[in-house]
Amino acid sequence: AVLVRGEFINAADLIFLAESQASQVEIGGGWPDEDL
């Protein structure tokens, strides 16, 4: 909210979120199957 100048916050504006595999939810691994 502080750093983005435009009205919309896009994926590119969230690059500071870690991009490593360890920080990503993998489909079928990080989410309970019955809840997806």
PDB file of all heavy atoms in Angstrom:
ATOM      1  N   ALA A   1       0.826  -1.210   0.000  1.00  0.00           N
ATOM      2  CA  ALA A   1       0.000   0.000   0.000  1.00  0.00           C
ATOM      3  C   ALA A   1       0.857   1.255   0.000  1.00  0.00           C
ATOM      4  O   ALA A   1       0.482   2.276  -0.578  1.00  0.00           O
ATOM      5  CB  ALA A   1      -0.928  -0.008   1.209  1.00  0.00           C
ATOM      6  N   VAL A   2       2.019   1.173   0.629  1.00  0.00           N
ATOM      7  CA  VAL A   2       2.912   2.332   0.701  1.00  0.00           C
ATOM      8  C   VAL A   2       3.739   2.488  -0.570  1.00  0.00           C
ATOM      9  O   VAL A   2       3.923   3.603  -1.082  1.00  0.00           O
ATOM     10  CB  VAL A   2       3.847   2.206   1.927  1.00  0.00           C
ATOM     11  CG1 VAL A   2       4.932   3.282   1.895  1.00  0.00           C
ATOM     12  CG2 VAL A   2       3.045   2.302   3.213  1.00  0.00           C
ATOM     13  N   LEU A   3       4.238   1.371  -1.132  1.00  0.00           N
ATOM     14  CA  LEU A   3       5.216   1.447  -2.213  1.00  0.00           C
ATOM     15  C   LEU A   3       4.604   1.484  -3.613  1.00  0.00           C
ATOM     16  O   LEU A   3       5.218   1.993  -4.536  1.00  0.00           O
ATOM     17  CB  LEU A   3       6.187   0.261  -2.106  1.00  0.00           C
ATOM     18  CG  LEU A   3       7.042   0.214  -0.831  1.00  0.00           C
ATOM     19  CD1 LEU A   3       7.964  -1.005  -0.867  1.00  0.00           C
ATOM     20  CD2 LEU A   3       7.855   1.492  -0.683  1.00  0.00           C
ATOM     21  N   VAL A   4       3.409   0.903  -3.782  1.00  0.00           N
ATOM     22  CA  VAL A   4       2.801   0.857  -5.119  1.00  0.00           C
ATOM     23  C   VAL A   4       2.119   2.187  -5.413  1.00  0.00           C
ATOM     24  O   VAL A   4       1.306   2.674  -4.625  1.00  0.00           O
ATOM     25  CB  VAL A   4       1.793  -0.309  -5.211  1.00  0.00           C
ATOM     26  CG1 VAL A   4       1.053  -0.268  -6.544  1.00  0.00           C
ATOM     27  CG2 VAL A   4       2.509  -1.643  -5.050  1.00  0.00           C
ATOM     28  N   ARG A   5       2.438   2.756  -6.570  1.00  0.00           N
ATOM     29  CA  ARG A   5       1.896   4.073  -6.920  1.00  0.00           C
ATOM     30  C   ARG A   5       0.564   3.991  -7.634  1.00  0.00           C
ATOM     31  O   ARG A   5      -0.253   4.910  -7.543  1.00  0.00           O
ATOM     32  CB  ARG A   5       2.905   4.824  -7.808  1.00  0.00           C
ATOM     33  CG  ARG A   5       4.203   5.170  -7.092  1.00  0.00           C
ATOM     34  CD  ARG A   5       3.946   5.977  -5.852  1.00  0.00           C
ATOM     35  NE  ARG A   5       5.174   6.370  -5.181  1.00  0.00           N
ATOM     36  CZ  ARG A   5       5.210   6.886  -3.961  1.00  0.00           C
ATOM     37  NH1 ARG A   5       4.081   7.056  -3.290  1.00  0.00           N
ATOM     38  NH2 ARG A   5       6.358   7.230  -3.403  1.00  0.00           N
ATOM     39  N   GLY A   6       0.331   2.935  -8.397  1.00  0.00           N
ATOM     40  CA  GLY A   6      -0.906   2.820  -9.138  1.00  0.00           C
ATOM     41  C   GLY A   6      -2.065   2.364  -8.257  1.00  0.00           C
ATOM     42  O   GLY A   6      -1.903   2.085  -7.062  1.00  0.00           O
ATOM     43  N   GLU A   7      -3.246   2.273  -8.885  1.00  0.00           N
ATOM     44  CA  GLU A   7      -4.429   1.867  -8.138  1.00  0.00           C
ATOM     45  C   GLU A   7      -4.411   0.384  -7.813  1.00  0.00           C
ATOM     46  O   GLU A   7      -4.835  -0.040  -6.737  1.00  0.00           O
ATOM     47  CB  GLU A   7      -5.695   2.181  -8.946  1.00  0.00           C
ATOM     48  CG  GLU A   7      -6.990   1.742  -8.266  1.00  0.00           C
ATOM     49  CD  GLU A   7      -8.213   1.997  -9.120  1.00  0.00           C
ATOM     50  OE1 GLU A   7      -8.063   2.525 -10.245  1.00  0.00           O
ATOM     51  OE2 GLU A   7      -9.331   1.661  -8.669  1.00  0.00           O
ATOM     52  N   PHE A   8      -3.874  -0.440  -8.765  1.00  0.00           N
ATOM     53  CA  PHE A   8      -3.908  -1.888  -8.598  1.00  0.00           C
ATOM     54  C   PHE A   8      -2.551  -2.431  -8.187  1.00  0.00           C
ATOM     55  O   PHE A   8      -1.506  -1.974  -8.672  1.00  0.00           O
ATOM     56  CB  PHE A   8      -4.374  -2.563  -9.888  1.00  0.00           C
ATOM     57  CG  PHE A   8      -5.830  -2.374 -10.165  1.00  0.00           C
ATOM     58  CD1 PHE A   8      -6.266  -1.346 -10.987  1.00  0.00           C
ATOM     59  CD2 PHE A   8      -6.785  -3.209  -9.595  1.00  0.00           C
ATOM     60  CE1 PHE A   8      -7.607  -1.157 -11.244  1.00  0.00           C
ATOM     61  CE2 PHE A   8      -8.130  -3.029  -9.839  1.00  0.00           C
ATOM     62  CZ  PHE A   8      -8.547  -2.003 -10.665  1.00  0.00           C
ATOM     63  N   ILE A   9      -2.576  -3.417  -7.316  1.00  0.00           N
ATOM     64  CA  ILE A   9      -1.367  -4.122  -6.897  1.00  0.00           C
ATOM     65  C   ILE A   9      -1.278  -5.392  -7.724  1.00  0.00           C
ATOM     66  O   ILE A   9      -2.131  -6.283  -7.610  1.00  0.00           O
ATOM     67  CB  ILE A   9      -1.400  -4.451  -5.395  1.00  0.00           C
ATOM     68  CG1 ILE A   9      -1.397  -3.146  -4.592  1.00  0.00           C
ATOM     69  CG2 ILE A   9      -0.231  -5.337  -4.995  1.00  0.00           C
ATOM     70  CD1 ILE A   9      -1.574  -3.345  -3.102  1.00  0.00           C
ATOM     71  N   ASN A  10      -0.263  -5.473  -8.579  1.00  0.00           N
ATOM     72  CA  ASN A  10      -0.089  -6.598  -9.477  1.00  0.00           C
ATOM     73  C   ASN A  10       0.939  -7.576  -8.926  1.00  0.00           C
ATOM     74  O   ASN A  10       1.631  -7.292  -7.940  1.00  0.00           O
ATOM     75  CB  ASN A  10       0.349  -6.097 -10.862  1.00  0.00           C
ATOM     76  CG  ASN A  10      -0.658  -5.129 -11.460  1.00  0.00           C
ATOM     77  OD1 ASN A  10      -1.834  -5.450 -11.578  1.00  0.00           O
ATOM     78  ND2 ASN A  10      -0.198  -3.929 -11.822  1.00  0.00           N
ATOM     79  N   ALA A  11       1.045  -8.722  -9.602  1.00  0.00           N
ATOM     80  CA  ALA A  11       2.005  -9.737  -9.154  1.00  0.00           C
ATOM     81  C   ALA A  11       3.422  -9.166  -9.121  1.00  0.00           C
ATOM     82  O   ALA A  11       4.204  -9.477  -8.214  1.00  0.00           O
ATOM     83  CB  ALA A  11       1.929 -10.953 -10.075  1.00  0.00           C
ATOM     84  N   ALA A  12       3.757  -8.336 -10.114  1.00  0.00           N
ATOM     85  CA  ALA A  12       5.105  -7.757 -10.164  1.00  0.00           C
ATOM     86  C   ALA A  12       5.395  -6.868  -8.956  1.00  0.00           C
ATOM     87  O   ALA A  12       6.548  -6.702  -8.560  1.00  0.00           O
ATOM     88  CB  ALA A  12       5.278  -6.964 -11.457  1.00  0.00           C
ATOM     89  N   ASP A  13       4.352  -6.295  -8.372  1.00  0.00           N
ATOM     90  CA  ASP A  13       4.535  -5.434  -7.196  1.00  0.00           C
ATOM     91  C   ASP A  13       4.793  -6.244  -5.935  1.00  0.00           C
ATOM     92  O   ASP A  13       5.170  -5.677  -4.902  1.00  0.00           O
ATOM     93  CB  ASP A  13       3.289  -4.572  -6.975  1.00  0.00           C
ATOM     94  CG  ASP A  13       3.003  -3.653  -8.149  1.00  0.00           C
ATOM     95  OD1 ASP A  13       3.964  -3.063  -8.672  1.00  0.00           O
ATOM     96  OD2 ASP A  13       1.831  -3.547  -8.540  1.00  0.00           O
ATOM     97  N   LEU A  14       4.586  -7.563  -6.015  1.00  0.00           N
ATOM     98  CA  LEU A  14       4.757  -8.423  -4.850  1.00  0.00           C
ATOM     99  C   LEU A  14       6.010  -9.272  -4.972  1.00  0.00           C
ATOM    100  O   LEU A  14       6.121 -10.331  -4.352  1.00  0.00           O
ATOM    101  CB  LEU A  14       3.524  -9.323  -4.681  1.00  0.00           C
ATOM    102  CG  LEU A  14       2.199  -8.574  -4.514  1.00  0.00           C
ATOM    103  CD1 LEU A  14       1.021  -9.537  -4.614  1.00  0.00           C
ATOM    104  CD2 LEU A  14       2.167  -7.831  -3.178  1.00  0.00           C
ATOM    105  N   ILE A  15       6.977  -8.792  -5.770  1.00  0.00           N
ATOM    106  CA  ILE A  15       8.196  -9.545  -6.000  1.00  0.00           C
ATOM    107  C   ILE A  15       8.994  -9.741  -4.713  1.00  0.00           C
ATOM    108  O   ILE A  15       9.810 -10.656  -4.596  1.00  0.00           O
ATOM    109  CB  ILE A  15       9.064  -8.835  -7.071  1.00  0.00           C
ATOM    110  CG1 ILE A  15      10.155  -9.765  -7.585  1.00  0.00           C
ATOM    111  CG2 ILE A  15       9.634  -7.525  -6.528  1.00  0.00           C
ATOM    112  CD1 ILE A  15       9.633 -10.953  -8.364  1.00  0.00           C
ATOM    113  N   PHE A  16       8.746  -8.883  -3.737  1.00  0.00           N
ATOM    114  CA  PHE A  16       9.481  -9.014  -2.472  1.00  0.00           C
ATOM    115  C   PHE A  16       9.096 -10.279  -1.702  1.00  0.00           C
ATOM    116  O   PHE A  16       9.807 -10.710  -0.809  1.00  0.00           O
ATOM    117  CB  PHE A  16       9.250  -7.789  -1.579  1.00  0.00           C
ATOM    118  CG  PHE A  16       7.817  -7.539  -1.206  1.00  0.00           C
ATOM    119  CD1 PHE A  16       7.239  -8.189  -0.121  1.00  0.00           C
ATOM    120  CD2 PHE A  16       7.040  -6.659  -1.937  1.00  0.00           C
ATOM    121  CE1 PHE A  16       5.924  -7.950   0.223  1.00  0.00           C
ATOM    122  CE2 PHE A  16       5.711  -6.421  -1.596  1.00  0.00           C
ATOM    123  CZ  PHE A  16       5.154  -7.074  -0.520  1.00  0.00           C
ATOM    124  N   LEU A  17       7.956 -10.886  -2.060  1.00  0.00           N
ATOM    125  CA  LEU A  17       7.632 -12.179  -1.464  1.00  0.00           C
ATOM    126  C   LEU A  17       8.601 -13.216  -2.029  1.00  0.00           C
ATOM    127  O   LEU A  17       8.813 -13.284  -3.239  1.00  0.00           O
ATOM    128  CB  LEU A  17       6.193 -12.578  -1.794  1.00  0.00           C
ATOM    129  CG  LEU A  17       5.102 -11.679  -1.217  1.00  0.00           C
ATOM    130  CD1 LEU A  17       3.740 -12.113  -1.730  1.00  0.00           C
ATOM    131  CD2 LEU A  17       5.119 -11.728   0.300  1.00  0.00           C
ATOM    132  N   ALA A  18       9.196 -14.008  -1.167  1.00  0.00           N
ATOM    133  CA  ALA A  18      10.236 -14.941  -1.577  1.00  0.00           C
ATOM    134  C   ALA A  18       9.755 -15.836  -2.710  1.00  0.00           C
ATOM    135  O   ALA A  18       8.668 -16.376  -2.660  1.00  0.00           O
ATOM    136  CB  ALA A  18      10.677 -15.789  -0.384  1.00  0.00           C
ATOM    137  N   GLU A  19      10.595 -15.977  -3.743  1.00  0.00           N
ATOM    138  CA  GLU A  19      10.229 -16.767  -4.913  1.00  0.00           C
ATOM    139  C   GLU A  19      10.791 -18.191  -4.858  1.00  0.00           C
ATOM    140  O   GLU A  19      10.590 -18.975  -5.767  1.00  0.00           O
ATOM    141  CB  GLU A  19      10.751 -16.080  -6.185  1.00  0.00           C
ATOM    142  CG  GLU A  19      10.105 -14.752  -6.479  1.00  0.00           C
ATOM    143  CD  GLU A  19       8.676 -14.907  -6.973  1.00  0.00           C
ATOM    144  OE1 GLU A  19       8.293 -16.043  -7.308  1.00  0.00           O
ATOM    145  OE2 GLU A  19       7.961 -13.902  -7.031  1.00  0.00           O
ATOM    146  N   SER A  20      11.518 -18.517  -3.790  1.00  0.00           N
ATOM    147  CA  SER A  20      12.130 -19.840  -3.715  1.00  0.00           C
ATOM    148  C   SER A  20      11.071 -20.922  -3.604  1.00  0.00           C
ATOM    149  O   SER A  20       9.950 -20.684  -3.173  1.00  0.00           O
ATOM    150  CB  SER A  20      13.059 -19.921  -2.498  1.00  0.00           C
ATOM    151  OG  SER A  20      12.311 -19.825  -1.308  1.00  0.00           O
ATOM    152  N   GLN A  21      11.448 -22.122  -3.996  1.00  0.00           N
ATOM    153  CA  GLN A  21      10.502 -23.240  -3.948  1.00  0.00           C
ATOM    154  C   GLN A  21      10.013 -23.470  -2.536  1.00  0.00           C
ATOM    155  O   GLN A  21       8.855 -23.840  -2.323  1.00  0.00           O
ATOM    156  CB  GLN A  21      11.166 -24.513  -4.491  1.00  0.00           C
ATOM    157  CG  GLN A  21      10.228 -25.726  -4.533  1.00  0.00           C
ATOM    158  CD  GLN A  21      10.902 -26.937  -5.114  1.00  0.00           C
ATOM    159  OE1 GLN A  21      12.075 -26.898  -5.446  1.00  0.00           O
ATOM    160  NE2 GLN A  21      10.156 -28.017  -5.251  1.00  0.00           N
ATOM    161  N   ALA A  22      10.882 -23.231  -1.554  1.00  0.00           N
ATOM    162  CA  ALA A  22      10.495 -23.473  -0.165  1.00  0.00           C
ATOM    163  C   ALA A  22       9.395 -22.544   0.281  1.00  0.00           C
ATOM    164  O   ALA A  22       8.655 -22.841   1.210  1.00  0.00           O
ATOM    165  CB  ALA A  22      11.715 -23.302   0.747  1.00  0.00           C
ATOM    166  N   SER A  23       9.267 -21.375  -0.380  1.00  0.00           N
ATOM    167  CA  SER A  23       8.256 -20.407   0.052  1.00  0.00           C
ATOM    168  C   SER A  23       6.992 -20.481  -0.772  1.00  0.00           C
ATOM    169  O   SER A  23       6.085 -19.681  -0.606  1.00  0.00           O
ATOM    170  CB  SER A  23       8.826 -18.978  -0.057  1.00  0.00           C
ATOM    171  OG  SER A  23       8.947 -18.614  -1.407  1.00  0.00           O
ATOM    172  N   GLN A  24       6.926 -21.437  -1.689  1.00  0.00           N
ATOM    173  CA  GLN A  24       5.756 -21.563  -2.539  1.00  0.00           C
ATOM    174  C   GLN A  24       4.915 -22.758  -2.120  1.00  0.00           C
ATOM    175  O   GLN A  24       5.441 -23.799  -1.731  1.00  0.00           O
ATOM    176  CB  GLN A  24       6.166 -21.742  -4.005  1.00  0.00           C
ATOM    177  CG  GLN A  24       6.923 -20.548  -4.557  1.00  0.00           C
ATOM    178  CD  GLN A  24       6.068 -19.315  -4.614  1.00  0.00           C
ATOM    179  OE1 GLN A  24       4.999 -19.341  -5.176  1.00  0.00           O
ATOM    180  NE2 GLN A  24       6.529 -18.241  -4.039  1.00  0.00           N
ATOM    181  N   VAL A  25       3.604 -22.623  -2.222  1.00  0.00           N
ATOM    182  CA  VAL A  25       2.703 -23.743  -1.982  1.00  0.00           C
ATOM    183  C   VAL A  25       2.643 -24.575  -3.252  1.00  0.00           C
ATOM    184  O   VAL A  25       2.332 -24.057  -4.319  1.00  0.00           O
ATOM    185  CB  VAL A  25       1.292 -23.250  -1.619  1.00  0.00           C
ATOM    186  CG1 VAL A  25       0.360 -24.429  -1.463  1.00  0.00           C
ATOM    187  CG2 VAL A  25       1.338 -22.431  -0.349  1.00  0.00           C
ATOM    188  N   GLU A  26       2.951 -25.857  -3.171  1.00  0.00           N
ATOM    189  CA  GLU A  26       2.880 -26.729  -4.335  1.00  0.00           C
ATOM    190  C   GLU A  26       1.507 -27.393  -4.386  1.00  0.00           C
ATOM    191  O   GLU A  26       1.051 -27.942  -3.395  1.00  0.00           O
ATOM    192  CB  GLU A  26       3.975 -27.794  -4.276  1.00  0.00           C
ATOM    193  CG  GLU A  26       5.385 -27.178  -4.326  1.00  0.00           C
ATOM    194  CD  GLU A  26       6.449 -28.245  -4.360  1.00  0.00           C
ATOM    195  OE1 GLU A  26       6.079 -29.440  -4.498  1.00  0.00           O
ATOM    196  OE2 GLU A  26       7.627 -27.913  -4.254  1.00  0.00           O
ATOM    197  N   ILE A  27       0.899 -27.372  -5.558  1.00  0.00           N
ATOM    198  CA  ILE A  27      -0.412 -27.983  -5.699  1.00  0.00           C
ATOM    199  C   ILE A  27      -0.331 -29.452  -5.280  1.00  0.00           C
ATOM    200  O   ILE A  27       0.515 -30.199  -5.742  1.00  0.00           O
ATOM    201  CB  ILE A  27      -0.905 -27.890  -7.155  1.00  0.00           C
ATOM    202  CG1 ILE A  27      -0.976 -26.434  -7.591  1.00  0.00           C
ATOM    203  CG2 ILE A  27      -2.241 -28.582  -7.311  1.00  0.00           C
ATOM    204  CD1 ILE A  27      -1.987 -25.625  -6.854  1.00  0.00           C
ATOM    205  N   GLY A  28      -1.220 -29.861  -4.410  1.00  0.00           N
ATOM    206  CA  GLY A  28      -1.251 -31.238  -3.960  1.00  0.00           C
ATOM    207  C   GLY A  28      -0.339 -31.499  -2.788  1.00  0.00           C
ATOM    208  O   GLY A  28      -0.392 -32.567  -2.188  1.00  0.00           O
ATOM    209  N   GLY A  29       0.561 -30.554  -2.459  1.00  0.00           N
ATOM    210  CA  GLY A  29       1.468 -30.777  -1.350  1.00  0.00           C
ATOM    211  C   GLY A  29       1.179 -29.867  -0.188  1.00  0.00           C
ATOM    212  O   GLY A  29       1.095 -30.298   0.938  1.00  0.00           O
ATOM    213  N   GLY A  30       1.023 -28.559  -0.481  1.00  0.00           N
ATOM    214  CA  GLY A  30       0.825 -27.613   0.593  1.00  0.00           C
ATOM    215  C   GLY A  30      -0.624 -27.432   0.990  1.00  0.00           C
ATOM    216  O   GLY A  30      -0.912 -26.871   2.024  1.00  0.00           O
ATOM    217  N   TRP A  31      -1.564 -27.877   0.148  1.00  0.00           N
ATOM    218  CA  TRP A  31      -2.991 -27.714   0.440  1.00  0.00           C
ATOM    219  C   TRP A  31      -3.620 -29.077   0.713  1.00  0.00           C
ATOM    220  O   TRP A  31      -3.331 -30.051   0.037  1.00  0.00           O
ATOM    221  CB  TRP A  31      -3.716 -27.088  -0.742  1.00  0.00           C
ATOM    222  CG  TRP A  31      -3.260 -25.725  -1.068  1.00  0.00           C
ATOM    223  CD1 TRP A  31      -2.685 -24.828  -0.236  1.00  0.00           C
ATOM    224  CD2 TRP A  31      -3.336 -25.096  -2.350  1.00  0.00           C
ATOM    225  NE1 TRP A  31      -2.404 -23.676  -0.899  1.00  0.00           N
ATOM    226  CE2 TRP A  31      -2.794 -23.802  -2.204  1.00  0.00           C
ATOM    227  CE3 TRP A  31      -3.815 -25.473  -3.590  1.00  0.00           C
ATOM    228  CZ2 TRP A  31      -2.713 -22.909  -3.244  1.00  0.00           C
ATOM    229  CZ3 TRP A  31      -3.736 -24.567  -4.626  1.00  0.00           C
ATOM    230  CH2 TRP A  31      -3.192 -23.306  -4.453  1.00  0.00           C
ATOM    231  N   PRO A  32      -4.506 -29.179   1.702  1.00  0.00           N
ATOM    232  CA  PRO A  32      -5.213 -30.437   1.908  1.00  0.00           C
ATOM    233  C   PRO A  32      -6.037 -30.764   0.671  1.00  0.00           C
ATOM    234  O   PRO A  32      -6.744 -29.933   0.140  1.00  0.00           O
ATOM    235  CB  PRO A  32      -6.116 -30.157   3.116  1.00  0.00           C
ATOM    236  CG  PRO A  32      -5.530 -28.942   3.764  1.00  0.00           C
ATOM    237  CD  PRO A  32      -4.897 -28.153   2.656  1.00  0.00           C
ATOM    238  N   ASP A  33      -5.918 -32.020   0.166  1.00  0.00           N
ATOM    239  CA  ASP A  33      -6.592 -32.390  -1.079  1.00  0.00           C
ATOM    240  C   ASP A  33      -8.086 -32.120  -1.018  1.00  0.00           C
ATOM    241  O   ASP A  33      -8.679 -31.641  -1.971  1.00  0.00           O
ATOM    242  CB  ASP A  33      -6.355 -33.878  -1.372  1.00  0.00           C
ATOM    243  CG  ASP A  33      -4.900 -34.149  -1.732  1.00  0.00           C
ATOM    244  OD1 ASP A  33      -4.206 -33.183  -2.099  1.00  0.00           O
ATOM    245  OD2 ASP A  33      -4.475 -35.312  -1.642  1.00  0.00           O
ATOM    246  N   GLU A  34      -8.711 -32.421   0.115  1.00  0.00           N
ATOM    247  CA  GLU A  34     -10.149 -32.298   0.189  1.00  0.00           C
ATOM    248  C   GLU A  34     -10.604 -30.850   0.256  1.00  0.00           C
ATOM    249  O   GLU A  34     -11.766 -30.548   0.033  1.00  0.00           O
ATOM    250  CB  GLU A  34     -10.693 -33.056   1.416  1.00  0.00           C
ATOM    251  CG  GLU A  34     -10.284 -32.464   2.751  1.00  0.00           C
ATOM    252  CD  GLU A  34      -8.902 -32.862   3.218  1.00  0.00           C
ATOM    253  OE1 GLU A  34      -8.158 -33.486   2.424  1.00  0.00           O
ATOM    254  OE2 GLU A  34      -8.560 -32.575   4.372  1.00  0.00           O
ATOM    255  N   ASP A  35      -9.688 -29.921   0.510  1.00  0.00           N
ATOM    256  CA  ASP A  35     -10.083 -28.529   0.670  1.00  0.00           C
ATOM    257  C   ASP A  35      -9.862 -27.721  -0.601  1.00  0.00           C
ATOM    258  O   ASP A  35     -10.405 -26.648  -0.750  1.00  0.00           O
ATOM    259  CB  ASP A  35      -9.295 -27.892   1.820  1.00  0.00           C
ATOM    260  CG  ASP A  35      -9.872 -26.546   2.221  1.00  0.00           C
ATOM    261  OD1 ASP A  35     -11.073 -26.482   2.494  1.00  0.00           O
ATOM    262  OD2 ASP A  35      -9.106 -25.564   2.235  1.00  0.00           O
ATOM    263  N   LEU A  36      -9.072 -28.226  -1.547  1.00  0.00           N
ATOM    264  CA  LEU A  36      -8.726 -27.449  -2.726  1.00  0.00           C
ATOM    265  C   LEU A  36      -9.936 -27.089  -3.597  1.00  0.00           C
ATOM    266  O   LEU A  36     -10.114 -25.923  -3.938  1.00  0.00           O
ATOM    267  CB  LEU A  36      -7.675 -28.199  -3.545  1.00  0.00           C
ATOM    268  CG  LEU A  36      -7.178 -27.479  -4.807  1.00  0.00           C
ATOM    269  CD1 LEU A  36      -6.631 -26.103  -4.458  1.00  0.00           C
ATOM    270  CD2 LEU A  36      -6.131 -28.319  -5.514  1.00  0.00           C
TER     271      LEU A  36
END
